[in-house]
Amino acid sequence: MMVVKEDTMTYPKPSIENDLSIVPDEDIAITARRMEAAGQLQVAKDIARLKAMGEPIHYMIGEKLVREEANGQKFEFKIREDGSEEIIGEIL
């Protein structure tokens, strides 16, 4: 484990994988970058897990709702009043 030294106190450097705790006297910008990196890492893991399960992922590109199938095909869709999805067309 790496150690970060500040003034006369020494703190363990948090690992993005397993520790998002606040380090005393750590600059808020550094904490924010660690939290953002941890969030991005978790999103990437979740997307990979869903694709491995054959599940689609949903996201937005600009104002368009996108459904990406596990095989990589992308479709623009809209959500009907009853909550179901209506495919508008394939995104190439």
PDB file of N, CA and C in Angstrom:
ATOM      1  N   MET A   1       0.846  -1.177   0.000  1.00  0.00           N
ATOM      2  CA  MET A   1       0.000   0.000   0.000  1.00  0.00           C
ATOM      3  C   MET A   1       0.891   1.239   0.000  1.00  0.00           C
ATOM      4  N   MET A   2       0.587   2.186  -0.899  1.00  0.00           N
ATOM      5  CA  MET A   2       1.347   3.437  -0.941  1.00  0.00           C
ATOM      6  C   MET A   2       0.883   4.352   0.182  1.00  0.00           C
ATOM      7  N   VAL A   3       1.767   5.226   0.601  1.00  0.00           N
ATOM      8  CA  VAL A   3       1.434   6.153   1.676  1.00  0.00           C
ATOM      9  C   VAL A   3       1.641   7.571   1.186  1.00  0.00           C
ATOM     10  N   VAL A   4       0.691   8.430   1.504  1.00  0.00           N
ATOM     11  CA  VAL A   4       0.773   9.848   1.163  1.00  0.00           C
ATOM     12  C   VAL A   4       1.131  10.597   2.433  1.00  0.00           C
ATOM     13  N   LYS A   5       2.165  11.421   2.377  1.00  0.00           N
ATOM     14  CA  LYS A   5       2.587  12.152   3.572  1.00  0.00           C
ATOM     15  C   LYS A   5       2.189  13.616   3.432  1.00  0.00           C
ATOM     16  N   GLU A   6       1.486  14.115   4.409  1.00  0.00           N
ATOM     17  CA  GLU A   6       1.090  15.517   4.460  1.00  0.00           C
ATOM     18  C   GLU A   6       1.527  16.062   5.813  1.00  0.00           C
ATOM     19  N   ASP A   7       2.288  17.146   5.782  1.00  0.00           N
ATOM     20  CA  ASP A   7       2.823  17.728   7.008  1.00  0.00           C
ATOM     21  C   ASP A   7       3.550  16.643   7.804  1.00  0.00           C
ATOM     22  N   THR A   8       3.160  16.431   9.045  1.00  0.00           N
ATOM     23  CA  THR A   8       3.821  15.414   9.865  1.00  0.00           C
ATOM     24  C   THR A   8       2.961  14.164  10.011  1.00  0.00           C
ATOM     25  N   MET A   9       1.758  14.173   9.408  1.00  0.00           N
ATOM     26  CA  MET A   9       0.871  13.025   9.536  1.00  0.00           C
ATOM     27  C   MET A   9       0.953  12.182   8.272  1.00  0.00           C
ATOM     28  N   THR A  10       0.816  10.881   8.398  1.00  0.00           N
ATOM     29  CA  THR A  10       0.866   9.962   7.271  1.00  0.00           C
ATOM     30  C   THR A  10      -0.450   9.200   7.201  1.00  0.00           C
ATOM     31  N   TYR A  11      -1.028   9.146   5.984  1.00  0.00           N
ATOM     32  CA  TYR A  11      -2.296   8.459   5.774  1.00  0.00           C
ATOM     33  C   TYR A  11      -2.113   7.424   4.674  1.00  0.00           C
ATOM     34  N   PRO A  12      -2.809   6.290   4.752  1.00  0.00           N
ATOM     35  CA  PRO A  12      -2.761   5.342   3.638  1.00  0.00           C
ATOM     36  C   PRO A  12      -3.460   5.948   2.429  1.00  0.00           C
ATOM     37  N   LYS A  13      -2.896   5.743   1.245  1.00  0.00           N
ATOM     38  CA  LYS A  13      -3.527   6.248   0.025  1.00  0.00           C
ATOM     39  C   LYS A  13      -4.729   5.359  -0.279  1.00  0.00           C
ATOM     40  N   PRO A  14      -5.922   5.937  -0.416  1.00  0.00           N
ATOM     41  CA  PRO A  14      -7.107   5.129  -0.680  1.00  0.00           C
ATOM     42  C   PRO A  14      -7.017   4.443  -2.040  1.00  0.00           C
ATOM     43  N   SER A  15      -7.526   3.241  -2.112  1.00  0.00           N
ATOM     44  CA  SER A  15      -7.599   2.507  -3.365  1.00  0.00           C
ATOM     45  C   SER A  15      -8.969   2.744  -3.963  1.00  0.00           C
ATOM     46  N   ILE A  16      -9.020   3.075  -5.251  1.00  0.00           N
ATOM     47  CA  ILE A  16     -10.302   3.297  -5.921  1.00  0.00           C
ATOM     48  C   ILE A  16     -11.145   2.030  -5.863  1.00  0.00           C
ATOM     49  N   GLU A  17     -10.489   0.882  -5.906  1.00  0.00           N
ATOM     50  CA  GLU A  17     -11.204  -0.387  -5.933  1.00  0.00           C
ATOM     51  C   GLU A  17     -12.049  -0.618  -4.687  1.00  0.00           C
ATOM     52  N   ASN A  18     -11.549  -0.191  -3.518  1.00  0.00           N
ATOM     53  CA  ASN A  18     -12.242  -0.617  -2.305  1.00  0.00           C
ATOM     54  C   ASN A  18     -12.382   0.435  -1.214  1.00  0.00           C
ATOM     55  N   ASP A  19     -11.892   1.640  -1.416  1.00  0.00           N
ATOM     56  CA  ASP A  19     -11.946   2.613  -0.327  1.00  0.00           C
ATOM     57  C   ASP A  19     -12.238   4.004  -0.864  1.00  0.00           C
ATOM     58  N   LEU A  20     -13.411   4.498  -0.583  1.00  0.00           N
ATOM     59  CA  LEU A  20     -13.772   5.852  -0.995  1.00  0.00           C
ATOM     60  C   LEU A  20     -13.888   6.765   0.212  1.00  0.00           C
ATOM     61  N   SER A  21     -13.236   6.396   1.291  1.00  0.00           N
ATOM     62  CA  SER A  21     -13.322   7.205   2.497  1.00  0.00           C
ATOM     63  C   SER A  21     -12.618   8.543   2.303  1.00  0.00           C
ATOM     64  N   ILE A  22     -13.039   9.500   3.068  1.00  0.00           N
ATOM     65  CA  ILE A  22     -12.443  10.827   3.027  1.00  0.00           C
ATOM     66  C   ILE A  22     -11.152  10.801   3.835  1.00  0.00           C
ATOM     67  N   VAL A  23     -10.080  11.285   3.235  1.00  0.00           N
ATOM     68  CA  VAL A  23      -8.792  11.363   3.922  1.00  0.00           C
ATOM     69  C   VAL A  23      -8.728  12.726   4.603  1.00  0.00           C
ATOM     70  N   PRO A  24      -8.421  12.764   5.897  1.00  0.00           N
ATOM     71  CA  PRO A  24      -8.350  14.054   6.596  1.00  0.00           C
ATOM     72  C   PRO A  24      -7.415  15.024   5.883  1.00  0.00           C
ATOM     73  N   ASP A  25      -7.843  16.253   5.761  1.00  0.00           N
ATOM     74  CA  ASP A  25      -7.070  17.338   5.154  1.00  0.00           C
ATOM     75  C   ASP A  25      -6.794  17.149   3.666  1.00  0.00           C
ATOM     76  N   GLU A  26      -7.432  16.174   3.019  1.00  0.00           N
ATOM     77  CA  GLU A  26      -7.240  16.007   1.579  1.00  0.00           C
ATOM     78  C   GLU A  26      -7.993  17.117   0.854  1.00  0.00           C
ATOM     79  N   ASP A  27      -7.380  17.674  -0.159  1.00  0.00           N
ATOM     80  CA  ASP A  27      -8.013  18.717  -0.952  1.00  0.00           C
ATOM     81  C   ASP A  27      -9.301  18.172  -1.567  1.00  0.00           C
ATOM     82  N   ILE A  28     -10.352  18.962  -1.549  1.00  0.00           N
ATOM     83  CA  ILE A  28     -11.654  18.515  -2.048  1.00  0.00           C
ATOM     84  C   ILE A  28     -11.589  18.157  -3.528  1.00  0.00           C
ATOM     85  N   ALA A  29     -10.746  18.833  -4.304  1.00  0.00           N
ATOM     86  CA  ALA A  29     -10.611  18.524  -5.730  1.00  0.00           C
ATOM     87  C   ALA A  29     -10.024  17.125  -5.927  1.00  0.00           C
ATOM     88  N   ILE A  30      -9.090  16.737  -5.073  1.00  0.00           N
ATOM     89  CA  ILE A  30      -8.503  15.397  -5.157  1.00  0.00           C
ATOM     90  C   ILE A  30      -9.552  14.351  -4.792  1.00  0.00           C
ATOM     91  N   THR A  31     -10.304  14.613  -3.735  1.00  0.00           N
ATOM     92  CA  THR A  31     -11.371  13.700  -3.332  1.00  0.00           C
ATOM     93  C   THR A  31     -12.391  13.557  -4.457  1.00  0.00           C
ATOM     94  N   ALA A  32     -12.766  14.666  -5.075  1.00  0.00           N
ATOM     95  CA  ALA A  32     -13.740  14.635  -6.168  1.00  0.00           C
ATOM     96  C   ALA A  32     -13.220  13.808  -7.339  1.00  0.00           C
ATOM     97  N   ARG A  33     -11.934  13.961  -7.684  1.00  0.00           N
ATOM     98  CA  ARG A  33     -11.355  13.180  -8.785  1.00  0.00           C
ATOM     99  C   ARG A  33     -11.345  11.687  -8.454  1.00  0.00           C
ATOM    100  N   ARG A  34     -11.038  11.344  -7.200  1.00  0.00           N
ATOM    101  CA  ARG A  34     -11.055   9.933  -6.800  1.00  0.00           C
ATOM    102  C   ARG A  34     -12.459   9.355  -6.898  1.00  0.00           C
ATOM    103  N   MET A  35     -13.439  10.132  -6.426  1.00  0.00           N
ATOM    104  CA  MET A  35     -14.826   9.670  -6.463  1.00  0.00           C
ATOM    105  C   MET A  35     -15.306   9.507  -7.908  1.00  0.00           C
ATOM    106  N   GLU A  36     -14.971  10.471  -8.763  1.00  0.00           N
ATOM    107  CA  GLU A  36     -15.378  10.393 -10.165  1.00  0.00           C
ATOM    108  C   GLU A  36     -14.735   9.191 -10.851  1.00  0.00           C
ATOM    109  N   ALA A  37     -13.446   8.972 -10.599  1.00  0.00           N
ATOM    110  CA  ALA A  37     -12.754   7.824 -11.193  1.00  0.00           C
ATOM    111  C   ALA A  37     -13.374   6.510 -10.722  1.00  0.00           C
ATOM    112  N   ALA A  38     -13.730   6.443  -9.451  1.00  0.00           N
ATOM    113  CA  ALA A  38     -14.357   5.235  -8.916  1.00  0.00           C
ATOM    114  C   ALA A  38     -15.715   5.005  -9.571  1.00  0.00           C
ATOM    115  N   GLY A  39     -16.473   6.071  -9.766  1.00  0.00           N
ATOM    116  CA  GLY A  39     -17.773   5.958 -10.427  1.00  0.00           C
ATOM    117  C   GLY A  39     -17.640   5.486 -11.863  1.00  0.00           C
ATOM    118  N   GLN A  40     -16.680   6.044 -12.598  1.00  0.00           N
ATOM    119  CA  GLN A  40     -16.461   5.639 -13.986  1.00  0.00           C
ATOM    120  C   GLN A  40     -16.034   4.178 -14.071  1.00  0.00           C
ATOM    121  N   LEU A  41     -15.186   3.756 -13.150  1.00  0.00           N
ATOM    122  CA  LEU A  41     -14.745   2.366 -13.116  1.00  0.00           C
ATOM    123  C   LEU A  41     -15.929   1.437 -12.868  1.00  0.00           C
ATOM    124  N   GLN A  42     -16.803   1.797 -11.937  1.00  0.00           N
ATOM    125  CA  GLN A  42     -17.957   0.954 -11.636  1.00  0.00           C
ATOM    126  C   GLN A  42     -18.925   0.901 -12.806  1.00  0.00           C
ATOM    127  N   VAL A  43     -19.146   2.023 -13.482  1.00  0.00           N
ATOM    128  CA  VAL A  43     -20.033   2.035 -14.653  1.00  0.00           C
ATOM    129  C   VAL A  43     -19.482   1.109 -15.731  1.00  0.00           C
ATOM    130  N   ALA A  44     -18.176   1.178 -16.001  1.00  0.00           N
ATOM    131  CA  ALA A  44     -17.560   0.307 -17.007  1.00  0.00           C
ATOM    132  C   ALA A  44     -17.744  -1.169 -16.636  1.00  0.00           C
ATOM    133  N   LYS A  45     -17.584  -1.499 -15.356  1.00  0.00           N
ATOM    134  CA  LYS A  45     -17.778  -2.881 -14.899  1.00  0.00           C
ATOM    135  C   LYS A  45     -19.229  -3.318 -15.084  1.00  0.00           C
ATOM    136  N   ASP A  46     -20.167  -2.432 -14.739  1.00  0.00           N
ATOM    137  CA  ASP A  46     -21.584  -2.769 -14.861  1.00  0.00           C
ATOM    138  C   ASP A  46     -21.990  -2.960 -16.317  1.00  0.00           C
ATOM    139  N   ILE A  47     -21.488  -2.111 -17.214  1.00  0.00           N
ATOM    140  CA  ILE A  47     -21.784  -2.250 -18.644  1.00  0.00           C
ATOM    141  C   ILE A  47     -21.251  -3.581 -19.156  1.00  0.00           C
ATOM    142  N   ALA A  48     -20.023  -3.921 -18.812  1.00  0.00           N
ATOM    143  CA  ALA A  48     -19.436  -5.194 -19.247  1.00  0.00           C
ATOM    144  C   ALA A  48     -20.245  -6.378 -18.722  1.00  0.00           C
ATOM    145  N   ARG A  49     -20.690  -6.290 -17.465  1.00  0.00           N
ATOM    146  CA  ARG A  49     -21.483  -7.372 -16.871  1.00  0.00           C
ATOM    147  C   ARG A  49     -22.812  -7.537 -17.599  1.00  0.00           C
ATOM    148  N   LEU A  50     -23.491  -6.419 -17.881  1.00  0.00           N
ATOM    149  CA  LEU A  50     -24.772  -6.487 -18.586  1.00  0.00           C
ATOM    150  C   LEU A  50     -24.605  -7.057 -19.986  1.00  0.00           C
ATOM    151  N   LYS A  51     -23.573  -6.613 -20.704  1.00  0.00           N
ATOM    152  CA  LYS A  51     -23.334  -7.134 -22.051  1.00  0.00           C
ATOM    153  C   LYS A  51     -23.032  -8.626 -22.012  1.00  0.00           C
ATOM    154  N   ALA A  52     -22.252  -9.070 -21.021  1.00  0.00           N
ATOM    155  CA  ALA A  52     -21.936 -10.495 -20.885  1.00  0.00           C
ATOM    156  C   ALA A  52     -23.198 -11.315 -20.622  1.00  0.00           C
ATOM    157  N   MET A  53     -24.181 -10.705 -19.972  1.00  0.00           N
ATOM    158  CA  MET A  53     -25.454 -11.374 -19.688  1.00  0.00           C
ATOM    159  C   MET A  53     -26.406 -11.302 -20.876  1.00  0.00           C
ATOM    160  N   GLY A  54     -25.999 -10.591 -21.949  1.00  0.00           N
ATOM    161  CA  GLY A  54     -26.860 -10.444 -23.119  1.00  0.00           C
ATOM    162  C   GLY A  54     -27.922  -9.373 -22.962  1.00  0.00           C
ATOM    163  N   GLU A  55     -27.780  -8.523 -21.971  1.00  0.00           N
ATOM    164  CA  GLU A  55     -28.768  -7.474 -21.697  1.00  0.00           C
ATOM    165  C   GLU A  55     -28.406  -6.185 -22.438  1.00  0.00           C
ATOM    166  N   PRO A  56     -29.401  -5.415 -22.866  1.00  0.00           N
ATOM    167  CA  PRO A  56     -29.113  -4.120 -23.494  1.00  0.00           C
ATOM    168  C   PRO A  56     -28.759  -3.076 -22.438  1.00  0.00           C
ATOM    169  N   ILE A  57     -28.083  -2.034 -22.883  1.00  0.00           N
ATOM    170  CA  ILE A  57     -27.831  -0.890 -22.010  1.00  0.00           C
ATOM    171  C   ILE A  57     -28.529   0.314 -22.626  1.00  0.00           C
ATOM    172  N   HIS A  58     -28.943   1.237 -21.796  1.00  0.00           N
ATOM    173  CA  HIS A  58     -29.672   2.424 -22.238  1.00  0.00           C
ATOM    174  C   HIS A  58     -28.910   3.666 -21.813  1.00  0.00           C
ATOM    175  N   TYR A  59     -28.839   4.646 -22.706  1.00  0.00           N
ATOM    176  CA  TYR A  59     -28.174   5.909 -22.400  1.00  0.00           C
ATOM    177  C   TYR A  59     -28.672   6.972 -23.367  1.00  0.00           C
ATOM    178  N   MET A  60     -28.147   8.165 -23.240  1.00  0.00           N
ATOM    179  CA  MET A  60     -28.539   9.264 -24.125  1.00  0.00           C
ATOM    180  C   MET A  60     -27.336   9.758 -24.906  1.00  0.00           C
ATOM    181  N   ILE A  61     -27.585  10.114 -26.161  1.00  0.00           N
ATOM    182  CA  ILE A  61     -26.624  10.840 -26.984  1.00  0.00           C
ATOM    183  C   ILE A  61     -27.329  12.144 -27.334  1.00  0.00           C
ATOM    184  N   GLY A  62     -26.882  13.229 -26.737  1.00  0.00           N
ATOM    185  CA  GLY A  62     -27.600  14.495 -26.898  1.00  0.00           C
ATOM    186  C   GLY A  62     -28.989  14.350 -26.310  1.00  0.00           C
ATOM    187  N   GLU A  63     -30.000  14.563 -27.139  1.00  0.00           N
ATOM    188  CA  GLU A  63     -31.391  14.432 -26.698  1.00  0.00           C
ATOM    189  C   GLU A  63     -31.994  13.080 -27.062  1.00  0.00           C
ATOM    190  N   LYS A  64     -31.229  12.224 -27.742  1.00  0.00           N
ATOM    191  CA  LYS A  64     -31.744  10.933 -28.202  1.00  0.00           C
ATOM    192  C   LYS A  64     -31.564   9.852 -27.138  1.00  0.00           C
ATOM    193  N   LEU A  65     -32.624   9.079 -26.926  1.00  0.00           N
ATOM    194  CA  LEU A  65     -32.538   7.891 -26.079  1.00  0.00           C
ATOM    195  C   LEU A  65     -31.973   6.763 -26.933  1.00  0.00           C
ATOM    196  N   VAL A  66     -30.968   6.057 -26.413  1.00  0.00           N
ATOM    197  CA  VAL A  66     -30.295   5.002 -27.168  1.00  0.00           C
ATOM    198  C   VAL A  66     -30.377   3.690 -26.395  1.00  0.00           C
ATOM    199  N   ARG A  67     -30.695   2.644 -27.132  1.00  0.00           N
ATOM    200  CA  ARG A  67     -30.672   1.278 -26.597  1.00  0.00           C
ATOM    201  C   ARG A  67     -29.576   0.543 -27.359  1.00  0.00           C
ATOM    202  N   GLU A  68     -28.548   0.089 -26.638  1.00  0.00           N
ATOM    203  CA  GLU A  68     -27.455  -0.649 -27.268  1.00  0.00           C
ATOM    204  C   GLU A  68     -27.571  -2.112 -26.868  1.00  0.00           C
ATOM    205  N   GLU A  69     -27.715  -2.951 -27.881  1.00  0.00           N
ATOM    206  CA  GLU A  69     -27.830  -4.383 -27.643  1.00  0.00           C
ATOM    207  C   GLU A  69     -26.460  -4.958 -27.283  1.00  0.00           C
ATOM    208  N   ALA A  70     -26.451  -6.145 -26.719  1.00  0.00           N
ATOM    209  CA  ALA A  70     -25.196  -6.783 -26.317  1.00  0.00           C
ATOM    210  C   ALA A  70     -24.278  -7.026 -27.511  1.00  0.00           C
ATOM    211  N   ASN A  71     -24.853  -7.150 -28.715  1.00  0.00           N
ATOM    212  CA  ASN A  71     -24.043  -7.377 -29.914  1.00  0.00           C
ATOM    213  C   ASN A  71     -23.509  -6.078 -30.519  1.00  0.00           C
ATOM    214  N   GLY A  72     -23.808  -4.939 -29.892  1.00  0.00           N
ATOM    215  CA  GLY A  72     -23.284  -3.654 -30.349  1.00  0.00           C
ATOM    216  C   GLY A  72     -24.241  -2.831 -31.200  1.00  0.00           C
ATOM    217  N   GLN A  73     -25.356  -3.419 -31.648  1.00  0.00           N
ATOM    218  CA  GLN A  73     -26.328  -2.649 -32.430  1.00  0.00           C
ATOM    219  C   GLN A  73     -26.929  -1.567 -31.548  1.00  0.00           C
ATOM    220  N   LYS A  74     -27.110  -0.372 -32.137  1.00  0.00           N
ATOM    221  CA  LYS A  74     -27.673   0.755 -31.400  1.00  0.00           C
ATOM    222  C   LYS A  74     -28.959   1.210 -32.070  1.00  0.00           C
ATOM    223  N   PHE A  75     -29.945   1.494 -31.247  1.00  0.00           N
ATOM    224  CA  PHE A  75     -31.239   1.939 -31.737  1.00  0.00           C
ATOM    225  C   PHE A  75     -31.683   3.181 -30.976  1.00  0.00           C
ATOM    226  N   GLU A  76     -32.250   4.133 -31.713  1.00  0.00           N
ATOM    227  CA  GLU A  76     -32.925   5.244 -31.058  1.00  0.00           C
ATOM    228  C   GLU A  76     -34.318   4.744 -30.699  1.00  0.00           C
ATOM    229  N   PHE A  77     -34.790   5.115 -29.521  1.00  0.00           N
ATOM    230  CA  PHE A  77     -36.119   4.680 -29.110  1.00  0.00           C
ATOM    231  C   PHE A  77     -36.815   5.789 -28.346  1.00  0.00           C
ATOM    232  N   LYS A  78     -38.106   5.605 -28.164  1.00  0.00           N
ATOM    233  CA  LYS A  78     -38.853   6.506 -27.289  1.00  0.00           C
ATOM    234  C   LYS A  78     -39.661   5.651 -26.329  1.00  0.00           C
ATOM    235  N   ILE A  79     -40.058   6.269 -25.250  1.00  0.00           N
ATOM    236  CA  ILE A  79     -40.847   5.571 -24.240  1.00  0.00           C
ATOM    237  C   ILE A  79     -42.299   6.005 -24.399  1.00  0.00           C
ATOM    238  N   ARG A  80     -43.160   5.034 -24.594  1.00  0.00           N
ATOM    239  CA  ARG A  80     -44.594   5.309 -24.755  1.00  0.00           C
ATOM    240  C   ARG A  80     -45.217   5.660 -23.405  1.00  0.00           C
ATOM    241  N   GLU A  81     -46.424   6.154 -23.454  1.00  0.00           N
ATOM    242  CA  GLU A  81     -47.131   6.519 -22.222  1.00  0.00           C
ATOM    243  C   GLU A  81     -47.316   5.335 -21.283  1.00  0.00           C
ATOM    244  N   ASP A  82     -47.433   4.117 -21.854  1.00  0.00           N
ATOM    245  CA  ASP A  82     -47.615   2.931 -21.007  1.00  0.00           C
ATOM    246  C   ASP A  82     -46.290   2.391 -20.457  1.00  0.00           C
ATOM    247  N   GLY A  83     -45.176   3.067 -20.786  1.00  0.00           N
ATOM    248  CA  GLY A  83     -43.866   2.670 -20.274  1.00  0.00           C
ATOM    249  C   GLY A  83     -43.085   1.734 -21.176  1.00  0.00           C
ATOM    250  N   SER A  84     -43.713   1.267 -22.243  1.00  0.00           N
ATOM    251  CA  SER A  84     -42.999   0.376 -23.161  1.00  0.00           C
ATOM    252  C   SER A  84     -42.099   1.187 -24.096  1.00  0.00           C
ATOM    253  N   GLU A  85     -41.152   0.494 -24.723  1.00  0.00           N
ATOM    254  CA  GLU A  85     -40.218   1.149 -25.637  1.00  0.00           C
ATOM    255  C   GLU A  85     -40.689   0.990 -27.077  1.00  0.00           C
ATOM    256  N   GLU A  86     -40.520   2.043 -27.857  1.00  0.00           N
ATOM    257  CA  GLU A  86     -40.799   1.986 -29.292  1.00  0.00           C
ATOM    258  C   GLU A  86     -39.513   2.346 -30.024  1.00  0.00           C
ATOM    259  N   ILE A  87     -39.020   1.405 -30.840  1.00  0.00           N
ATOM    260  CA  ILE A  87     -37.806   1.637 -31.612  1.00  0.00           C
ATOM    261  C   ILE A  87     -38.128   2.600 -32.749  1.00  0.00           C
ATOM    262  N   ILE A  88     -37.360   3.679 -32.845  1.00  0.00           N
ATOM    263  CA  ILE A  88     -37.526   4.655 -33.922  1.00  0.00           C
ATOM    264  C   ILE A  88     -36.683   4.246 -35.121  1.00  0.00           C
ATOM    265  N   GLY A  89     -35.476   3.793 -34.869  1.00  0.00           N
ATOM    266  CA  GLY A  89     -34.611   3.357 -35.958  1.00  0.00           C
ATOM    267  C   GLY A  89     -33.229   3.007 -35.454  1.00  0.00           C
ATOM    268  N   GLU A  90     -32.457   2.345 -36.329  1.00  0.00           N
ATOM    269  CA  GLU A  90     -31.098   1.950 -35.970  1.00  0.00           C
ATOM    270  C   GLU A  90     -30.159   3.135 -36.122  1.00  0.00           C
ATOM    271  N   ILE A  91     -29.205   3.227 -35.225  1.00  0.00           N
ATOM    272  CA  ILE A  91     -28.165   4.255 -35.288  1.00  0.00           C
ATOM    273  C   ILE A  91     -26.931   3.584 -35.862  1.00  0.00           C
ATOM    274  N   LEU A  92     -26.462   4.115 -36.979  1.00  0.00           N
ATOM    275  CA  LEU A  92     -25.295   3.507 -37.638  1.00  0.00           C
ATOM    276  C   LEU A  92     -24.015   4.167 -37.254  1.00  0.00           C
TER     277      LEU A  92
END
